[in-house]
Protein backbone atom coordinates (compact mmCIF):
# COMPACT_ATOMS: atom_id res chain seq x y z
CA MET A 1 164.44 31.19 90.80
CA SER A 2 164.48 28.47 88.13
CA SER A 3 165.01 28.82 84.39
CA PHE A 4 164.65 26.75 81.15
CA SER A 5 167.37 26.23 78.64
CA ILE A 6 165.74 25.63 75.36
CA GLU A 7 167.37 24.59 72.04
CA GLY A 8 165.20 25.35 69.12
CA GLY A 9 164.71 23.78 65.78
CA TYR A 10 163.35 20.27 66.81
CA PRO A 11 159.68 19.20 66.21
CA VAL A 12 157.55 18.49 69.10
CA SER A 13 155.78 15.28 68.32
CA GLY A 14 154.09 12.12 69.99
CA GLU A 15 151.32 11.52 72.35
CA MET A 16 150.37 13.13 75.62
CA LYS A 17 147.72 13.05 78.10
CA LEU A 18 145.87 16.34 79.08
CA SER A 19 146.35 17.48 82.74
CA GLY A 20 143.11 18.76 84.87
CA ASN A 21 141.83 22.03 84.32
CA LYS A 22 143.90 24.67 86.24
CA ASN A 23 141.12 27.09 86.38
CA ALA A 24 138.45 24.21 87.41
CA ILE A 25 140.48 22.78 90.26
CA LEU A 26 141.04 26.03 92.05
CA PRO A 27 137.49 27.11 92.94
CA MET A 28 136.80 23.44 93.66
CA ILE A 29 139.22 23.49 96.62
CA ALA A 30 137.38 26.69 97.86
CA ALA A 31 134.10 24.74 97.33
CA SER A 32 135.34 22.27 99.59
CA LEU A 33 134.69 24.44 102.62
CA LEU A 34 130.94 24.35 101.89
CA THR A 35 130.49 20.78 103.56
CA GLU A 36 131.62 19.13 106.60
CA ASP A 37 132.10 16.05 104.43
CA GLU A 38 135.04 14.77 102.30
CA ILE A 39 135.54 15.71 98.60
CA ILE A 40 137.47 13.52 96.55
CA LEU A 41 139.01 15.09 93.33
CA HIS A 42 140.69 13.12 90.52
CA ASN A 43 142.83 14.37 87.57
CA VAL A 44 144.13 17.15 89.88
CA PRO A 45 147.35 19.01 88.35
CA ASP A 46 150.62 19.16 90.18
CA ILE A 47 151.09 22.97 89.69
CA VAL A 48 151.96 25.78 91.88
CA ASP A 49 148.73 27.51 91.89
CA VAL A 50 146.87 24.36 93.26
CA ALA A 51 149.91 24.30 96.17
CA ALA A 52 149.06 27.93 96.87
CA MET A 53 145.20 27.49 97.18
CA LEU A 54 145.87 24.26 99.46
CA LYS A 55 147.98 26.35 101.57
CA ILE A 56 145.07 28.68 102.11
CA ALA A 57 142.48 25.87 102.81
CA GLU A 58 144.84 24.23 105.14
CA ALA A 59 145.39 27.47 107.06
CA LEU A 60 141.30 27.80 107.52
CA GLY A 61 141.39 24.39 108.68
CA VAL A 62 140.81 22.07 105.81
CA ARG A 63 142.50 18.58 105.72
CA SER A 64 144.00 17.76 102.50
CA GLU A 65 145.68 14.49 101.46
CA ARG A 66 147.25 13.88 98.01
CA SER A 67 148.24 10.67 96.31
CA GLY A 68 149.25 11.04 92.77
CA SER A 69 146.78 13.06 90.72
CA THR A 70 143.90 12.40 93.71
CA LEU A 71 143.34 15.13 96.29
CA LYS A 72 140.95 14.47 99.16
CA LEU A 73 139.70 17.57 101.17
CA GLN A 74 137.57 17.84 104.15
CA ALA A 75 136.53 21.03 106.02
CA LYS A 76 134.98 19.46 109.13
CA ASN A 77 136.46 21.97 111.36
CA ILE A 78 136.97 25.67 110.37
CA VAL A 79 139.87 27.01 112.68
CA SER A 80 139.82 30.45 111.03
CA ASN A 81 137.59 32.90 109.06
CA LYS A 82 140.67 35.28 108.19
CA ILE A 83 142.37 34.64 104.78
CA PRO A 84 146.02 35.25 105.39
CA GLN A 85 147.52 38.44 103.61
CA GLU A 86 150.69 36.76 102.50
CA LEU A 87 148.59 33.66 101.10
CA SER A 88 146.20 35.94 99.25
CA ASN A 89 148.94 37.95 97.74
CA GLN A 90 150.12 34.58 95.71
CA ILE A 91 147.07 33.89 93.83
CA ARG A 92 143.92 35.52 92.35
CA THR A 93 141.57 32.90 93.40
CA SER A 94 142.17 33.40 96.89
CA LEU A 95 139.02 35.62 96.77
CA LEU A 96 136.77 32.51 96.27
CA PHE A 97 137.22 31.51 99.90
CA ALA A 98 135.00 34.60 101.15
CA GLY A 99 131.71 32.88 99.80
CA PRO A 100 131.94 29.49 101.35
CA LEU A 101 133.73 30.96 104.59
CA LEU A 102 130.31 33.29 104.80
CA HIS A 103 128.48 30.15 104.73
CA ARG A 104 130.20 28.28 107.51
CA CYS A 105 131.20 31.41 109.73
CA ARG A 106 129.10 34.13 108.95
CA GLU A 107 131.71 36.74 108.65
CA VAL A 108 135.04 36.67 106.71
CA SER A 109 138.05 38.70 106.43
CA PHE A 110 140.28 38.90 103.50
CA TRP A 111 142.83 40.93 101.35
CA PRO A 112 143.11 41.93 97.79
CA PRO A 113 143.75 38.81 95.78
CA GLY A 114 147.29 38.57 93.76
CA GLY A 115 147.76 36.65 90.37
CA ASP A 116 149.49 37.54 87.27
CA ASP A 117 150.46 41.06 86.33
CA ILE A 118 148.52 41.55 83.21
CA GLY A 119 146.54 44.67 83.77
CA ARG A 120 143.71 45.62 86.06
CA ARG A 121 141.55 42.94 87.18
CA ARG A 122 138.09 44.05 88.78
CA ILE A 123 136.59 42.32 91.96
CA ASP A 124 133.64 44.61 91.93
CA ALA A 125 131.25 41.79 90.50
CA HIS A 126 132.05 39.67 93.63
CA PHE A 127 131.20 42.57 96.00
CA TYR A 128 128.12 42.91 93.86
CA GLY A 129 126.98 39.55 93.84
CA LEU A 130 127.55 38.80 97.79
CA LYS A 131 125.65 41.87 98.52
CA CYS A 132 122.83 40.98 96.45
CA LEU A 133 122.59 37.56 98.36
CA GLY A 134 122.20 39.52 101.54
CA ALA A 135 126.15 39.92 102.63
CA LYS A 136 127.18 43.37 104.27
CA LEU A 137 130.56 44.94 103.52
CA VAL A 138 131.63 45.86 107.18
CA SER A 139 134.92 47.23 106.18
CA ASN A 140 135.84 48.54 102.52
CA GLU A 141 139.61 49.03 103.35
CA PRO A 142 141.91 46.03 103.51
CA PRO A 143 141.38 43.84 104.92
CA PHE A 144 137.92 43.63 103.89
CA VAL A 145 135.37 42.30 106.07
CA ILE A 146 132.09 40.97 105.15
CA SER A 147 129.32 39.45 107.27
CA ALA A 148 125.96 37.74 106.54
CA GLY A 149 123.32 35.71 108.24
CA GLN A 150 121.12 33.40 106.07
CA MET A 151 121.86 34.31 102.33
CA LYS A 152 118.78 34.58 100.20
CA GLY A 153 118.60 33.96 96.55
CA ARG A 154 118.16 37.17 94.06
CA ASP A 155 117.98 37.85 90.53
CA LEU A 156 121.21 39.64 89.58
CA PHE A 157 122.93 40.79 86.45
CA PHE A 158 126.76 41.01 86.15
CA ASP A 159 128.24 44.12 84.34
CA GLU A 160 130.92 41.75 82.86
CA ALA A 161 130.82 37.72 82.39
CA SER A 162 133.59 37.25 84.99
CA VAL A 163 134.65 33.74 85.25
CA THR A 164 135.71 33.88 89.01
CA ALA A 165 132.68 35.94 90.10
CA THR A 166 130.27 33.61 88.18
CA GLU A 167 132.22 30.72 90.26
CA HIS A 168 131.92 32.50 93.41
CA ILE A 169 128.31 33.59 93.38
CA MET A 170 127.35 30.17 92.03
CA MET A 171 128.85 28.60 95.10
CA ALA A 172 127.33 31.04 97.46
CA ALA A 173 124.13 30.88 95.83
CA ALA A 174 124.03 26.93 96.22
CA VAL A 175 123.40 27.15 99.96
CA ALA A 176 121.25 30.34 99.95
CA ARG A 177 117.57 30.50 100.71
CA GLY A 178 115.36 30.44 97.46
CA ARG A 179 116.23 31.17 94.03
CA THR A 180 119.21 33.00 92.39
CA VAL A 181 119.38 33.79 88.64
CA ILE A 182 122.96 35.09 87.54
CA ARG A 183 122.68 36.84 84.15
CA ASN A 184 125.59 37.75 81.92
CA ALA A 185 127.41 34.79 83.59
CA ALA A 186 130.28 33.06 82.37
CA SER A 187 130.17 29.65 80.71
CA GLU A 188 133.56 28.41 80.30
CA PRO A 189 134.54 24.62 80.46
CA HIS A 190 135.88 25.40 84.09
CA VAL A 191 132.56 26.93 85.24
CA GLN A 192 130.73 23.99 83.82
CA ASP A 193 132.90 21.73 85.70
CA LEU A 194 132.72 23.32 88.94
CA ALA A 195 128.95 23.41 88.62
CA GLU A 196 129.02 19.61 87.96
CA LEU A 197 130.97 19.14 91.17
CA LEU A 198 128.59 21.38 93.09
CA ARG A 199 125.70 19.16 91.54
CA LYS A 200 127.21 16.07 92.79
CA MET A 201 127.54 17.69 96.17
CA GLY A 202 123.63 18.08 96.17
CA ALA A 203 123.34 21.73 94.38
CA LYS A 204 120.55 22.42 92.09
CA ILE A 205 122.07 24.19 89.37
CA THR A 206 121.02 24.75 85.79
CA GLY A 207 121.89 26.79 82.75
CA THR A 208 125.56 26.61 83.08
CA ASP A 209 126.17 26.18 79.47
CA SER A 210 124.44 29.61 78.66
CA ASN A 211 124.86 33.16 80.19
CA THR A 212 122.05 32.60 82.53
CA ILE A 213 122.42 30.41 85.51
CA THR A 214 119.73 29.38 87.89
CA VAL A 215 120.69 27.95 91.19
CA GLU A 216 117.95 26.77 93.45
CA GLY A 217 119.43 26.89 97.18
CA VAL A 218 119.52 23.94 99.52
CA GLU A 219 119.97 23.77 103.05
CA LYS A 220 123.17 21.60 103.13
CA LEU A 221 125.47 20.02 100.76
CA HIS A 222 127.25 16.61 101.05
CA GLY A 223 130.49 15.02 100.01
CA ALA A 224 131.23 14.18 96.57
CA GLU A 225 133.71 12.46 94.20
CA HIS A 226 134.76 13.97 90.89
CA GLU A 227 137.26 13.99 88.22
CA VAL A 228 138.37 17.43 86.94
CA VAL A 229 138.08 18.08 83.36
CA GLY A 230 141.02 18.36 80.77
CA ASP A 231 142.71 21.78 80.46
CA HIS A 232 141.73 23.02 77.01
CA VAL A 233 144.22 25.91 77.47
CA GLU A 234 147.08 23.50 77.96
CA ALA A 235 145.70 21.47 74.82
CA GLY A 236 145.57 24.71 72.65
CA SER A 237 149.25 25.80 74.01
CA PHE A 238 150.71 22.32 72.76
CA LEU A 239 148.92 22.28 69.53
CA ALA A 240 150.30 25.81 68.80
CA MET A 241 153.73 24.55 69.92
CA SER A 242 153.47 21.38 67.53
CA ALA A 243 152.27 23.45 64.60
CA VAL A 244 155.05 25.99 64.74
CA THR A 245 157.80 23.14 65.15
CA GLY A 246 156.43 21.06 62.38
CA GLY A 247 155.43 18.20 64.94
CA ASP A 248 152.81 15.44 64.76
CA LEU A 249 150.73 15.45 67.85
CA THR A 250 148.09 13.49 69.65
CA ILE A 251 146.45 14.72 72.80
CA HIS A 252 144.39 12.36 74.79
CA GLY A 253 141.70 13.09 77.44
CA THR A 254 140.09 16.08 75.49
CA ILE A 255 136.37 16.97 74.83
CA PRO A 256 135.40 18.05 71.03
CA ARG A 257 133.10 20.85 72.10
CA HIS A 258 135.87 22.54 74.05
CA TYR A 259 137.76 23.09 70.89
CA TRP A 260 135.39 24.31 68.31
CA MET A 261 136.54 27.87 68.46
CA ILE A 262 140.13 27.00 68.70
CA ARG A 263 139.97 24.99 65.68
CA ARG A 264 138.34 27.74 63.74
CA VAL A 265 141.09 30.18 64.89
CA PHE A 266 143.93 27.78 63.89
CA GLU A 267 142.32 27.11 60.65
CA ARG A 268 142.86 30.84 59.92
CA PHE A 269 146.70 30.28 60.06
CA GLY A 270 146.38 26.95 57.86
CA VAL A 271 146.71 24.60 60.80
CA ARG A 272 144.31 21.85 60.76
CA PHE A 273 143.68 19.14 63.57
CA ALA A 274 140.99 16.35 63.84
CA LEU A 275 138.57 16.02 66.75
CA PHE A 276 137.91 12.71 68.02
CA SER A 277 135.70 11.70 71.08
CA ASP A 278 138.47 11.72 73.42
CA ARG A 279 141.54 12.91 71.77
CA ILE A 280 143.09 15.62 69.08
CA HIS A 281 145.25 14.81 66.26
CA LEU A 282 147.19 17.41 64.65
CA PRO A 283 149.32 16.15 61.56
CA GLY A 284 152.97 17.00 61.09
CA GLY A 285 154.64 19.15 58.57
CA GLN A 286 151.83 21.66 58.04
CA ARG A 287 152.72 25.02 56.19
CA LEU A 288 151.46 27.82 58.14
CA SER A 289 149.57 30.31 56.03
CA ILE A 290 147.30 33.34 57.10
CA ARG A 291 143.75 33.22 55.45
CA PRO A 292 142.59 36.78 54.82
CA ASP A 293 139.02 37.96 55.52
CA PHE A 294 136.71 38.25 52.51
CA GLY A 295 137.78 40.99 49.93
CA ASN A 296 141.49 40.17 51.05
CA ALA A 297 141.23 42.13 54.19
CA ILE A 298 143.48 41.61 56.97
CA PRO A 299 142.04 39.18 59.64
CA VAL A 300 141.60 40.06 63.11
CA ILE A 301 141.88 37.45 66.08
CA SER A 302 140.22 38.67 69.10
CA ASP A 303 139.10 37.24 72.38
CA GLY A 304 136.15 37.26 74.45
CA PRO A 305 133.95 35.57 77.00
CA TRP A 306 133.03 31.98 76.08
CA PRO A 307 132.47 30.41 73.55
CA GLN A 308 134.60 33.29 71.95
CA TYR A 309 138.29 32.67 71.71
CA PRO A 310 140.00 32.26 75.25
CA THR A 311 142.13 35.34 76.11
CA ASP A 312 144.59 32.49 78.04
CA MET A 313 145.27 31.31 74.19
CA MET A 314 146.19 34.69 72.77
CA SER A 315 149.86 34.92 73.66
CA CYS A 316 150.43 31.37 72.20
CA THR A 317 148.67 32.44 69.10
CA ILE A 318 150.50 35.48 68.56
CA VAL A 319 153.83 33.29 68.53
CA MET A 320 152.11 31.02 65.95
CA ALA A 321 151.37 34.09 63.85
CA THR A 322 155.18 34.87 63.43
CA GLN A 323 155.68 31.63 61.71
CA ALA A 324 152.64 31.85 59.33
CA ARG A 325 152.88 33.67 55.98
CA GLY A 326 150.66 36.81 55.94
CA THR A 327 149.38 39.44 58.25
CA VAL A 328 147.05 39.53 61.06
CA LEU A 329 145.72 41.80 63.70
CA PHE A 330 145.45 40.50 67.33
CA PHE A 331 142.79 42.51 69.29
CA GLU A 332 142.96 41.68 73.23
CA LYS A 333 139.96 43.00 74.74
CA MET A 334 140.15 41.73 78.55
CA PHE A 335 143.41 42.78 79.71
CA GLU A 336 145.63 45.90 79.03
CA SER A 337 148.89 44.45 79.97
CA ARG A 338 148.81 40.89 78.15
CA MET A 339 150.20 42.26 75.05
CA TYR A 340 153.73 43.67 76.64
CA PHE A 341 155.55 40.40 76.24
CA VAL A 342 155.32 41.07 72.28
CA ASP A 343 158.59 43.44 72.84
CA ARG A 344 160.41 40.06 73.41
CA LEU A 345 159.24 38.57 70.22
CA ILE A 346 160.52 41.65 68.50
CA MET A 347 163.69 41.18 70.11
CA MET A 348 163.86 37.65 68.87
CA GLY A 349 163.15 38.90 65.29
CA SER A 350 159.50 38.87 64.67
CA ASN A 351 157.99 41.32 62.40
CA ALA A 352 155.41 42.85 64.87
CA ILE A 353 153.99 46.41 65.76
CA VAL A 354 152.46 46.91 69.06
CA CYS A 355 149.58 49.46 68.30
CA ASP A 356 148.41 49.89 71.86
CA PRO A 357 147.97 47.97 74.98
CA HIS A 358 145.34 45.78 73.28
CA ARG A 359 146.16 45.65 69.45
CA VAL A 360 149.48 44.00 67.71
CA VAL A 361 149.92 43.52 64.15
CA ILE A 362 152.07 40.24 63.20
CA SER A 363 153.61 39.83 59.70
CA GLY A 364 155.20 36.63 59.01
CA PRO A 365 156.95 34.24 58.48
CA SER A 366 160.06 35.44 60.75
CA LYS A 367 163.22 33.61 61.57
CA LEU A 368 163.65 33.83 65.15
CA ARG A 369 166.68 33.88 67.06
CA ALA A 370 167.68 32.53 70.56
CA MET A 371 167.63 34.96 73.38
CA ASP A 372 167.72 35.04 77.27
CA LEU A 373 164.34 35.78 78.35
CA SER A 374 162.19 36.29 81.50
CA SER A 375 158.58 35.10 81.85
CA PRO A 376 156.30 37.84 82.62
CA ASP A 377 153.17 36.01 83.49
CA ILE A 378 151.98 32.35 83.04
CA ARG A 379 150.52 32.45 79.45
CA ALA A 380 153.36 34.84 78.16
CA GLY A 381 155.77 32.35 79.44
CA MET A 382 154.49 29.70 77.68
CA ALA A 383 154.45 31.77 74.56
CA LEU A 384 158.04 32.57 74.96
CA LEU A 385 158.87 28.99 75.42
CA ILE A 386 157.14 28.17 72.19
CA ALA A 387 159.05 30.91 70.50
CA ALA A 388 162.42 29.49 71.75
CA LEU A 389 161.48 25.91 70.47
CA CYS A 390 161.20 27.23 66.90
CA ALA A 391 164.05 29.58 67.36
CA LYS A 392 167.48 29.24 66.05
CA GLY A 393 169.94 28.47 68.70
CA THR A 394 169.75 28.08 72.47
CA SER A 395 167.54 30.15 74.51
CA THR A 396 167.10 30.93 78.34
CA ILE A 397 163.82 31.53 79.91
CA ASN A 398 164.18 32.78 83.50
CA ARG A 399 161.45 32.83 86.28
CA ALA A 400 160.33 29.42 84.80
CA GLU A 401 158.26 29.03 88.14
CA VAL A 402 155.87 31.57 86.71
CA ILE A 403 154.95 28.88 83.87
CA SER A 404 154.66 26.25 86.27
CA ARG A 405 152.07 28.04 88.10
CA GLY A 406 149.76 26.78 85.29
CA TYR A 407 151.50 24.00 83.28
CA GLU A 408 152.05 20.59 85.08
CA ASN A 409 155.65 19.18 84.49
CA ILE A 410 155.97 21.51 81.37
CA ASP A 411 159.70 20.49 80.95
CA LEU A 412 158.98 17.02 81.32
CA LYS A 413 156.06 16.89 78.80
CA ILE A 414 157.96 18.84 76.26
CA ALA A 415 161.10 16.81 76.61
CA SER A 416 158.77 13.57 76.28
CA LEU A 417 157.76 14.97 72.68
CA GLY A 418 161.18 15.52 71.44
CA GLY A 419 161.79 19.26 72.43
CA ARG A 420 165.17 20.06 73.73
CA ILE A 421 164.58 21.56 77.06
CA ARG A 422 166.40 21.24 80.44
CA LYS A 423 165.63 23.26 83.71
CA ALA A 424 168.24 24.73 85.60
């Protein structure tokens, strides 16, 4: 296992280029199985989760070639319809290969997906969607086996706006016969970016910026070339990092509409940044102060499906709150274990009360002290890294490879911006 050594107290300032969206590229790798033609993807981040998805794709017969941030994929010959258990255990999005494999092989065998330990993550919507399109569950015990002939479009309604289920059923519906309408669908930027790739492959998809997506099935998809959209969660994480360390930061490769809600929430902490057509600028030296709700009530920051505040931004925002004057309540609605990392912030000196698995109250500002810590998941690991950068002394964050699952060259990027970080 690797670790980061971080010396706090130095501003994170300068200019950086945004990496490709982690949650967009992972389903795109699975989507390459929908055609025998070559798929070319640009702005692909060099992260652990991409490597894990490529291992699965290659085990199924996909030929891959990477040069810098460009990835070429071709699934001309599928050699297996069984997703290996040891690879499924490594990543949540392993499940996304099921739909494309059904299209190519008419039957698929797979295991429950792995991923971050942030609480229960249902996969019911995936089974519901595939069954609505005509697939049959042959075995409901691991390894699951699903079979299907020619899938047919349906009008279906998700009981939750699941990102991965929306991506999964959108891929399957693209090559189903007839029209599929997905209601209560997710519409995050990465969902929209996957739809854009599928459209370039010949799919007919509309409504991806809403919660009702319509897919007109086509007989066959073809090759395409696409540039992966920038990762808005990476941008938000670095904005929080720069804000708490007093830095002046410019991020290139952004799309303004992806940051409207992030900007609204950051303004509640007295953090202001300017949105331009292709970049964000956060001025340095800002004093963080929590703005109360009308009537001087304690404000509540909660997450939710897009365009609400992203759940993946909650951990970093909690750290930002420890450095802001005032009191704020965080309400994490989507995962019951995401808040557990706050115990580590309390050990570092933050004034926090964990009310229950979903709610925590932060009062600031607090002078954080350096500690030896361990990264529990991708986003909590990034949050602890931010805490270490504004703490007094030198901290060590173990299990650093967990952070590298979602952030490309995180230590090199921080070091290039003036942060004192070293990988061990």
